C-alpha cells in the first residue's frame, strides 16, 4: 500500500498518474540520502515523495512544458533542500527527461499506450537515460507497480516483474541472514564508505534478485509483493541502525 499522506493519491486519474510518473522519475539517490534535510521521522524517499505530494496538492502538477524547463533551484525549494545540492541537479535533469519523453501526451496517454502491459510500460520508460538500469530495470519496473497500487492503472503481467533491486532489500536480506558478504566488502559497508558503481554493488543487487525469486516461489507470492514486504520491513529501527551499501547512482 502507498501512504496516503506522503503520496498524492486523492486527485483525478490524470493527476495521480502524473504524480507517480514524476515521483518515479526521481526515485533514486539513496547514495546521497544521508546528506538530505529529512522531514521528521521520514526516510530520504518519503521526504521527497511527501514534498512532491504537497506541491501537487497546493499548486497542481507540473505540465510537460514545466517539466522540460524546471530549474534546479526551484526544485530544491519544492523539496526543501539546499540549493546547489548535487542530487537536486540530477533530479532536475531527470524531470527534463520525463518532459521530453511525454512530449504532448497526458500521463494517462503514456500509461494507456502500454495496453495493459507492465513490461510494455517499463520498456517504454527506458527511452529516458536515467531509467536504463540494464539487467535490473529497478525504476522502470516499479513505475507500473506504483501506478497499480495507486489505483490508476491495471496490468495483466504485473506478477512477472522481478523485485525492484535497490540497496534496502539486500540490506534486509543481509540483516536476516539470507545474504552474507565477503569480509572486506562487509567492512567497507559497515564503515559507511561509498561503494562505487560497478561490479560489487551490481553483484549485491543480483544476489538479492535471485534470493527473492527463490523466496517468492517458496511462499507462493509474486516477487513484487515480496519486495514491498521487505522494503517496509526495512523501515524498522533495527534495520536503520546498521549501515546499508550506499552508491551514488541515478538508478536507485
C-alpha atoms as a PDB file:
ATOM      1  CA  UNK A   1       0.000   0.000   0.000  1.00  0.00           C
ATOM      2  CA  UNK A   2       1.060   3.576  -0.645  1.00  0.00           C
ATOM      3  CA  UNK A   3       0.976   6.051   2.228  1.00  0.00           C
ATOM      4  CA  UNK A   4      -1.949   8.391   1.538  1.00  0.00           C
ATOM      5  CA  UNK A   5      -0.337  11.328   3.357  1.00  0.00           C
ATOM      6  CA  UNK A   6       3.169  11.011   1.986  1.00  0.00           C
ATOM      7  CA  UNK A   7       1.954  10.258  -1.551  1.00  0.00           C
ATOM      8  CA  UNK A   8      -0.524  12.140  -3.701  1.00  0.00           C
ATOM      9  CA  UNK A   9      -3.451   9.763  -4.206  1.00  0.00           C
ATOM     10  CA  UNK A  10      -6.513  11.972  -3.844  1.00  0.00           C
ATOM     11  CA  UNK A  11      -6.637  13.649  -7.248  1.00  0.00           C
ATOM     12  CA  UNK A  12      -8.028  12.719 -10.650  1.00  0.00           C
ATOM     13  CA  UNK A  13      -6.669   9.694 -12.500  1.00  0.00           C
ATOM     14  CA  UNK A  14      -4.637  12.019 -14.701  1.00  0.00           C
ATOM     15  CA  UNK A  15      -3.102  13.920 -11.782  1.00  0.00           C
ATOM     16  CA  UNK A  16      -2.312  10.824  -9.705  1.00  0.00           C
ATOM     17  CA  UNK A  17      -0.759   9.107 -12.737  1.00  0.00           C
ATOM     18  CA  UNK A  18       1.297  12.252 -13.393  1.00  0.00           C
ATOM     19  CA  UNK A  19       2.377  12.291  -9.748  1.00  0.00           C
ATOM     20  CA  UNK A  20       3.568   8.677  -9.905  1.00  0.00           C
ATOM     21  CA  UNK A  21       5.455   9.277 -13.168  1.00  0.00           C
ATOM     22  CA  UNK A  22       7.034  12.396 -11.680  1.00  0.00           C
ATOM     23  CA  UNK A  23       7.990  10.695  -8.430  1.00  0.00           C
ATOM     24  CA  UNK A  24       9.422   7.605 -10.083  1.00  0.00           C
ATOM     25  CA  UNK A  25      11.417   9.754 -12.490  1.00  0.00           C
ATOM     26  CA  UNK A  26      13.369  10.928  -9.432  1.00  0.00           C
ATOM     27  CA  UNK A  27      13.049   7.782  -7.331  1.00  0.00           C
ATOM     28  CA  UNK A  28      16.812   7.439  -6.946  1.00  0.00           C
ATOM     29  CA  UNK A  29      19.666   8.937  -4.989  1.00  0.00           C
ATOM     30  CA  UNK A  30      19.924   6.710  -1.909  1.00  0.00           C
ATOM     31  CA  UNK A  31      23.685   7.253  -2.038  1.00  0.00           C
ATOM     32  CA  UNK A  32      23.053  10.934  -1.293  1.00  0.00           C
ATOM     33  CA  UNK A  33      20.208  10.475   1.211  1.00  0.00           C
ATOM     34  CA  UNK A  34      22.417  10.923   4.308  1.00  0.00           C
ATOM     35  CA  UNK A  35      23.137  14.458   3.042  1.00  0.00           C
ATOM     36  CA  UNK A  36      19.480  15.478   2.623  1.00  0.00           C
ATOM     37  CA  UNK A  37      17.412  17.505   5.071  1.00  0.00           C
ATOM     38  CA  UNK A  38      14.773  14.969   6.033  1.00  0.00           C
ATOM     39  CA  UNK A  39      11.291  15.617   7.333  1.00  0.00           C
ATOM     40  CA  UNK A  40      10.815  14.429  10.924  1.00  0.00           C
ATOM     41  CA  UNK A  41      10.529  10.659  11.090  1.00  0.00           C
ATOM     42  CA  UNK A  42      10.987  10.281   7.332  1.00  0.00           C
ATOM     43  CA  UNK A  43      13.476   8.443   5.172  1.00  0.00           C
ATOM     44  CA  UNK A  44      15.009  10.136   2.161  1.00  0.00           C
ATOM     45  CA  UNK A  45      12.422   8.549  -0.108  1.00  0.00           C
ATOM     46  CA  UNK A  46       9.446   9.681   1.986  1.00  0.00           C
ATOM     47  CA  UNK A  47      10.915  13.164   2.364  1.00  0.00           C
ATOM     48  CA  UNK A  48      10.906  13.522  -1.423  1.00  0.00           C
ATOM     49  CA  UNK A  49       7.585  11.766  -2.084  1.00  0.00           C
ATOM     50  CA  UNK A  50       5.829  13.881   0.550  1.00  0.00           C
ATOM     51  CA  UNK A  51       7.291  17.179  -0.650  1.00  0.00           C
ATOM     52  CA  UNK A  52       6.130  16.488  -4.205  1.00  0.00           C
ATOM     53  CA  UNK A  53       2.719  15.406  -2.919  1.00  0.00           C
ATOM     54  CA  UNK A  54       2.418  18.705  -1.043  1.00  0.00           C
ATOM     55  CA  UNK A  55       3.354  20.596  -4.206  1.00  0.00           C
ATOM     56  CA  UNK A  56       0.662  18.774  -6.196  1.00  0.00           C
ATOM     57  CA  UNK A  57      -1.933  19.486  -3.500  1.00  0.00           C
ATOM     58  CA  UNK A  58      -1.054  23.176  -3.253  1.00  0.00           C
ATOM     59  CA  UNK A  59      -0.323  24.086  -6.877  1.00  0.00           C
ATOM     60  CA  UNK A  60      -1.288  21.113  -9.043  1.00  0.00           C
ATOM     61  CA  UNK A  61       1.064  19.018 -11.173  1.00  0.00           C
ATOM     62  CA  UNK A  62       3.859  20.276 -13.380  1.00  0.00           C
ATOM     63  CA  UNK A  63       2.877  20.366 -17.049  1.00  0.00           C
ATOM     64  CA  UNK A  64       5.103  18.684 -19.634  1.00  0.00           C
ATOM     65  CA  UNK A  65       6.435  22.106 -20.619  1.00  0.00           C
ATOM     66  CA  UNK A  66       7.197  22.944 -16.985  1.00  0.00           C
ATOM     67  CA  UNK A  67       8.985  19.621 -16.520  1.00  0.00           C
ATOM     68  CA  UNK A  68      11.187  20.344 -19.531  1.00  0.00           C
ATOM     69  CA  UNK A  69      12.124  23.750 -18.136  1.00  0.00           C
ATOM     70  CA  UNK A  70      12.221  23.179 -14.375  1.00  0.00           C
ATOM     71  CA  UNK A  71      15.087  24.948 -12.636  1.00  0.00           C
ATOM     72  CA  UNK A  72      17.223  23.067 -10.092  1.00  0.00           C
ATOM     73  CA  UNK A  73      16.944  25.936  -7.642  1.00  0.00           C
ATOM     74  CA  UNK A  74      13.152  25.976  -7.896  1.00  0.00           C
ATOM     75  CA  UNK A  75      13.098  22.215  -7.426  1.00  0.00           C
ATOM     76  CA  UNK A  76      15.348  22.468  -4.367  1.00  0.00           C
ATOM     77  CA  UNK A  77      12.856  24.879  -2.816  1.00  0.00           C
ATOM     78  CA  UNK A  78       9.952  22.495  -3.506  1.00  0.00           C
ATOM     79  CA  UNK A  79      11.886  19.584  -1.997  1.00  0.00           C
ATOM     80  CA  UNK A  80      13.024  21.721   0.963  1.00  0.00           C
ATOM     81  CA  UNK A  81      16.691  21.093   0.171  1.00  0.00           C
ATOM     82  CA  UNK A  82      19.778  23.235  -0.143  1.00  0.00           C
ATOM     83  CA  UNK A  83      20.183  24.976  -3.487  1.00  0.00           C
ATOM     84  CA  UNK A  84      23.204  23.650  -5.352  1.00  0.00           C
ATOM     85  CA  UNK A  85      22.887  20.124  -3.940  1.00  0.00           C
ATOM     86  CA  UNK A  86      24.270  17.640  -6.475  1.00  0.00           C
ATOM     87  CA  UNK A  87      21.317  15.279  -6.196  1.00  0.00           C
ATOM     88  CA  UNK A  88      18.762  18.024  -6.823  1.00  0.00           C
ATOM     89  CA  UNK A  89      20.591  18.901 -10.038  1.00  0.00           C
ATOM     90  CA  UNK A  90      20.249  15.275 -11.129  1.00  0.00           C
ATOM     91  CA  UNK A  91      16.570  15.355 -10.181  1.00  0.00           C
ATOM     92  CA  UNK A  92      16.085  18.392 -12.412  1.00  0.00           C
ATOM     93  CA  UNK A  93      17.796  16.535 -15.280  1.00  0.00           C
ATOM     94  CA  UNK A  94      15.503  13.550 -14.685  1.00  0.00           C
ATOM     95  CA  UNK A  95      12.394  15.742 -14.847  1.00  0.00           C
ATOM     96  CA  UNK A  96      13.660  17.339 -18.062  1.00  0.00           C
ATOM     97  CA  UNK A  97      13.965  13.810 -19.481  1.00  0.00           C
ATOM     98  CA  UNK A  98      10.432  12.997 -18.352  1.00  0.00           C
ATOM     99  CA  UNK A  99       9.050  16.121 -20.008  1.00  0.00           C
ATOM    100  CA  UNK A 100      10.800  15.244 -23.269  1.00  0.00           C
ATOM    101  CA  UNK A 101       9.586  11.640 -23.071  1.00  0.00           C
ATOM    102  CA  UNK A 102       5.980  12.700 -22.523  1.00  0.00           C
ATOM    103  CA  UNK A 103       6.039  15.191 -25.378  1.00  0.00           C
ATOM    104  CA  UNK A 104       2.483  16.423 -25.816  1.00  0.00           C
ATOM    105  CA  UNK A 105       0.895  13.372 -24.199  1.00  0.00           C
ATOM    106  CA  UNK A 106      -1.038  13.307 -20.960  1.00  0.00           C
ATOM    107  CA  UNK A 107       0.083  10.979 -18.180  1.00  0.00           C
ATOM    108  CA  UNK A 108      -2.951   8.772 -18.836  1.00  0.00           C
ATOM    109  CA  UNK A 109      -1.969   8.503 -22.500  1.00  0.00           C
ATOM    110  CA  UNK A 110       1.550   7.434 -21.541  1.00  0.00           C
ATOM    111  CA  UNK A 111       0.150   4.733 -19.255  1.00  0.00           C
ATOM    112  CA  UNK A 112      -2.545   3.573 -21.656  1.00  0.00           C
ATOM    113  CA  UNK A 113      -0.083   3.281 -24.548  1.00  0.00           C
ATOM    114  CA  UNK A 114       1.260   0.146 -22.835  1.00  0.00           C
ATOM    115  CA  UNK A 115      -2.071  -1.621 -23.497  1.00  0.00           C
ATOM    116  CA  UNK A 116      -2.231  -3.093 -20.010  1.00  0.00           C
ATOM    117  CA  UNK A 117       1.321  -4.475 -20.022  1.00  0.00           C
ATOM    118  CA  UNK A 118       3.621  -3.591 -17.125  1.00  0.00           C
ATOM    119  CA  UNK A 119       6.541  -4.883 -19.157  1.00  0.00           C
ATOM    120  CA  UNK A 120       5.496  -2.730 -22.109  1.00  0.00           C
ATOM    121  CA  UNK A 121       5.354   0.404 -19.950  1.00  0.00           C
ATOM    122  CA  UNK A 122       8.694  -0.436 -18.329  1.00  0.00           C
ATOM    123  CA  UNK A 123      10.327  -0.877 -21.721  1.00  0.00           C
ATOM    124  CA  UNK A 124       8.967   2.453 -22.938  1.00  0.00           C
ATOM    125  CA  UNK A 125      10.387   4.243 -19.889  1.00  0.00           C
ATOM    126  CA  UNK A 126      13.901   3.097 -20.750  1.00  0.00           C
ATOM    127  CA  UNK A 127      13.901   5.705 -23.503  1.00  0.00           C
ATOM    128  CA  UNK A 128      14.951   8.009 -20.659  1.00  0.00           C
ATOM    129  CA  UNK A 129      18.668   7.581 -19.796  1.00  0.00           C
ATOM    130  CA  UNK A 130      18.174   7.534 -16.029  1.00  0.00           C
ATOM    131  CA  UNK A 131      15.817   4.552 -16.384  1.00  0.00           C
ATOM    132  CA  UNK A 132      18.358   2.437 -18.336  1.00  0.00           C
ATOM    133  CA  UNK A 133      19.374   0.268 -15.401  1.00  0.00           C
ATOM    134  CA  UNK A 134      20.465  -2.643 -17.586  1.00  0.00           C
ATOM    135  CA  UNK A 135      19.918  -6.062 -16.087  1.00  0.00           C
ATOM    136  CA  UNK A 136      17.739  -4.767 -13.223  1.00  0.00           C
ATOM    137  CA  UNK A 137      15.397  -2.037 -14.546  1.00  0.00           C
ATOM    138  CA  UNK A 138      14.554  -1.053 -10.972  1.00  0.00           C
ATOM    139  CA  UNK A 139      12.623   2.165 -11.601  1.00  0.00           C
ATOM    140  CA  UNK A 140      11.231   1.085 -14.969  1.00  0.00           C
ATOM    141  CA  UNK A 141       9.563  -1.848 -13.206  1.00  0.00           C
ATOM    142  CA  UNK A 142       8.491  -0.064 -10.041  1.00  0.00           C
ATOM    143  CA  UNK A 143       6.574   2.571 -12.012  1.00  0.00           C
ATOM    144  CA  UNK A 144       3.796   0.276 -13.281  1.00  0.00           C
ATOM    145  CA  UNK A 145       3.629  -1.334  -9.842  1.00  0.00           C
ATOM    146  CA  UNK A 146       3.199   2.085  -8.204  1.00  0.00           C
ATOM    147  CA  UNK A 147       0.538   3.067 -10.732  1.00  0.00           C
ATOM    148  CA  UNK A 148      -1.351  -0.135  -9.934  1.00  0.00           C
ATOM    149  CA  UNK A 149      -1.011   0.439  -6.177  1.00  0.00           C
ATOM    150  CA  UNK A 150      -2.319   3.977  -6.680  1.00  0.00           C
ATOM    151  CA  UNK A 151      -5.403   2.550  -8.399  1.00  0.00           C
ATOM    152  CA  UNK A 152      -4.929   4.416 -11.676  1.00  0.00           C
ATOM    153  CA  UNK A 153      -3.788   1.536 -13.917  1.00  0.00           C
ATOM    154  CA  UNK A 154      -4.283  -2.182 -14.389  1.00  0.00           C
ATOM    155  CA  UNK A 155      -1.688  -4.508 -15.907  1.00  0.00           C
ATOM    156  CA  UNK A 156      -2.121  -8.158 -16.837  1.00  0.00           C
ATOM    157  CA  UNK A 157       1.534  -9.055 -16.308  1.00  0.00           C
ATOM    158  CA  UNK A 158       2.426  -7.335 -13.028  1.00  0.00           C
ATOM    159  CA  UNK A 159       3.317 -10.638 -11.387  1.00  0.00           C
ATOM    160  CA  UNK A 160       6.036 -11.212 -13.981  1.00  0.00           C
ATOM    161  CA  UNK A 161       8.093  -8.306 -12.620  1.00  0.00           C
ATOM    162  CA  UNK A 162      11.160  -9.024 -10.507  1.00  0.00           C
ATOM    163  CA  UNK A 163      11.885  -7.244  -7.245  1.00  0.00           C
ATOM    164  CA  UNK A 164      12.878  -3.604  -7.593  1.00  0.00           C
ATOM    165  CA  UNK A 165      16.571  -4.022  -6.906  1.00  0.00           C
ATOM    166  CA  UNK A 166      17.949  -1.218  -4.749  1.00  0.00           C
ATOM    167  CA  UNK A 167      20.096  -1.052  -1.616  1.00  0.00           C
ATOM    168  CA  UNK A 168      17.403  -1.642   1.023  1.00  0.00           C
ATOM    169  CA  UNK A 169      16.077  -5.092   0.099  1.00  0.00           C
ATOM    170  CA  UNK A 170      19.569  -6.662   0.062  1.00  0.00           C
ATOM    171  CA  UNK A 171      20.257  -4.915   3.377  1.00  0.00           C
ATOM    172  CA  UNK A 172      17.174  -6.529   4.921  1.00  0.00           C
ATOM    173  CA  UNK A 173      18.201  -9.910   3.484  1.00  0.00           C
ATOM    174  CA  UNK A 174      21.662  -9.452   4.942  1.00  0.00           C
ATOM    175  CA  UNK A 175      20.314  -8.484   8.366  1.00  0.00           C
ATOM    176  CA  UNK A 176      18.016 -11.509   8.320  1.00  0.00           C
ATOM    177  CA  UNK A 177      20.858 -13.882   7.439  1.00  0.00           C
ATOM    178  CA  UNK A 178      19.842 -14.609   3.859  1.00  0.00           C
ATOM    179  CA  UNK A 179      22.847 -12.871   2.285  1.00  0.00           C
ATOM    180  CA  UNK A 180      26.419 -12.915   3.582  1.00  0.00           C
ATOM    181  CA  UNK A 181      29.065 -10.533   2.302  1.00  0.00           C
ATOM    182  CA  UNK A 182      32.770 -11.141   1.821  1.00  0.00           C
ATOM    183  CA  UNK A 183      34.535  -9.667   4.912  1.00  0.00           C
ATOM    184  CA  UNK A 184      36.299  -6.789   3.133  1.00  0.00           C
ATOM    185  CA  UNK A 185      33.062  -5.732   1.426  1.00  0.00           C
ATOM    186  CA  UNK A 186      31.120  -6.025   4.677  1.00  0.00           C
ATOM    187  CA  UNK A 187      33.694  -3.859   6.470  1.00  0.00           C
ATOM    188  CA  UNK A 188      33.526  -1.189   3.774  1.00  0.00           C
ATOM    189  CA  UNK A 189      29.723  -1.033   4.010  1.00  0.00           C
ATOM    190  CA  UNK A 190      29.647  -1.131   7.816  1.00  0.00           C
ATOM    191  CA  UNK A 191      32.109   1.769   7.953  1.00  0.00           C
ATOM    192  CA  UNK A 192      29.680   3.811   5.803  1.00  0.00           C
ATOM    193  CA  UNK A 193      32.067   4.269   2.918  1.00  0.00           C
ATOM    194  CA  UNK A 194      30.560   4.849  -0.505  1.00  0.00           C
ATOM    195  CA  UNK A 195      30.560   1.822  -2.796  1.00  0.00           C
ATOM    196  CA  UNK A 196      31.495   2.791  -6.339  1.00  0.00           C
ATOM    197  CA  UNK A 197      29.018   1.936  -9.105  1.00  0.00           C
ATOM    198  CA  UNK A 198      30.070  -1.291 -10.749  1.00  0.00           C
ATOM    199  CA  UNK A 199      30.792  -4.923 -10.082  1.00  0.00           C
ATOM    200  CA  UNK A 200      30.341  -5.147  -6.301  1.00  0.00           C
ATOM    201  CA  UNK A 201      27.098  -3.206  -5.998  1.00  0.00           C
ATOM    202  CA  UNK A 202      25.668  -4.982  -9.045  1.00  0.00           C
ATOM    203  CA  UNK A 203      26.516  -8.359  -7.519  1.00  0.00           C
ATOM    204  CA  UNK A 204      24.744  -7.379  -4.284  1.00  0.00           C
ATOM    205  CA  UNK A 205      21.623  -6.433  -6.208  1.00  0.00           C
ATOM    206  CA  UNK A 206      21.788  -9.519  -8.415  1.00  0.00           C
ATOM    207  CA  UNK A 207      22.038 -11.806  -5.384  1.00  0.00           C
ATOM    208  CA  UNK A 208      19.014 -10.052  -3.896  1.00  0.00           C
ATOM    209  CA  UNK A 209      17.007 -10.595  -7.083  1.00  0.00           C
ATOM    210  CA  UNK A 210      17.958 -14.286  -7.189  1.00  0.00           C
ATOM    211  CA  UNK A 211      17.256 -14.851  -3.491  1.00  0.00           C
ATOM    212  CA  UNK A 212      13.868 -13.135  -3.736  1.00  0.00           C
ATOM    213  CA  UNK A 213      12.866 -15.209  -6.750  1.00  0.00           C
ATOM    214  CA  UNK A 214      13.519 -18.347  -4.677  1.00  0.00           C
ATOM    215  CA  UNK A 215      11.766 -16.982  -1.581  1.00  0.00           C
ATOM    216  CA  UNK A 216       8.769 -15.769  -3.570  1.00  0.00           C
ATOM    217  CA  UNK A 217       8.422 -19.157  -5.258  1.00  0.00           C
ATOM    218  CA  UNK A 218       8.508 -20.934  -1.905  1.00  0.00           C
ATOM    219  CA  UNK A 219       5.943 -18.559  -0.382  1.00  0.00           C
ATOM    220  CA  UNK A 220       3.709 -18.544  -3.450  1.00  0.00           C
ATOM    221  CA  UNK A 221       3.989 -14.765  -3.776  1.00  0.00           C
ATOM    222  CA  UNK A 222       4.788 -12.558  -6.767  1.00  0.00           C
ATOM    223  CA  UNK A 223       8.311 -11.130  -6.350  1.00  0.00           C
ATOM    224  CA  UNK A 224       6.908  -7.586  -6.493  1.00  0.00           C
ATOM    225  CA  UNK A 225       4.767  -8.263  -3.407  1.00  0.00           C
ATOM    226  CA  UNK A 226       7.740  -9.736  -1.576  1.00  0.00           C
ATOM    227  CA  UNK A 227       9.735  -6.614  -2.471  1.00  0.00           C
ATOM    228  CA  UNK A 228       7.113  -4.358  -0.877  1.00  0.00           C
ATOM    229  CA  UNK A 229       7.072  -6.530   2.253  1.00  0.00           C
ATOM    230  CA  UNK A 230      10.855  -6.440   2.601  1.00  0.00           C
ATOM    231  CA  UNK A 231      11.076  -2.716   1.834  1.00  0.00           C
ATOM    232  CA  UNK A 232       8.507  -1.939   4.535  1.00  0.00           C
ATOM    233  CA  UNK A 233      10.336  -4.284   6.922  1.00  0.00           C
ATOM    234  CA  UNK A 234      13.450  -2.237   6.306  1.00  0.00           C
ATOM    235  CA  UNK A 235      11.791   0.887   7.748  1.00  0.00           C
ATOM    236  CA  UNK A 236      12.020  -0.611  11.261  1.00  0.00           C
ATOM    237  CA  UNK A 237      14.639   0.869  13.637  1.00  0.00           C
ATOM    238  CA  UNK A 238      16.599  -2.402  13.782  1.00  0.00           C
ATOM    239  CA  UNK A 239      17.376  -2.192  10.072  1.00  0.00           C
ATOM    240  CA  UNK A 240      18.009   1.543  10.069  1.00  0.00           C
ATOM    241  CA  UNK A 241      20.530   1.211  12.898  1.00  0.00           C
ATOM    242  CA  UNK A 242      23.039  -0.622  10.706  1.00  0.00           C
ATOM    243  CA  UNK A 243      24.536   0.892   7.523  1.00  0.00           C
ATOM    244  CA  UNK A 244      23.466  -0.420   4.138  1.00  0.00           C
ATOM    245  CA  UNK A 245      25.523  -0.109   0.992  1.00  0.00           C
ATOM    246  CA  UNK A 246      25.479   3.386  -0.490  1.00  0.00           C
ATOM    247  CA  UNK A 247      26.214   4.011  -4.158  1.00  0.00           C
ATOM    248  CA  UNK A 248      25.750   7.330  -5.906  1.00  0.00           C
ATOM    249  CA  UNK A 249      23.771   6.422  -8.995  1.00  0.00           C
ATOM    250  CA  UNK A 250      20.696   7.556 -10.906  1.00  0.00           C
ATOM    251  CA  UNK A 251      19.308   4.004 -10.912  1.00  0.00           C
ATOM    252  CA  UNK A 252      18.290   3.650  -7.226  1.00  0.00           C
END
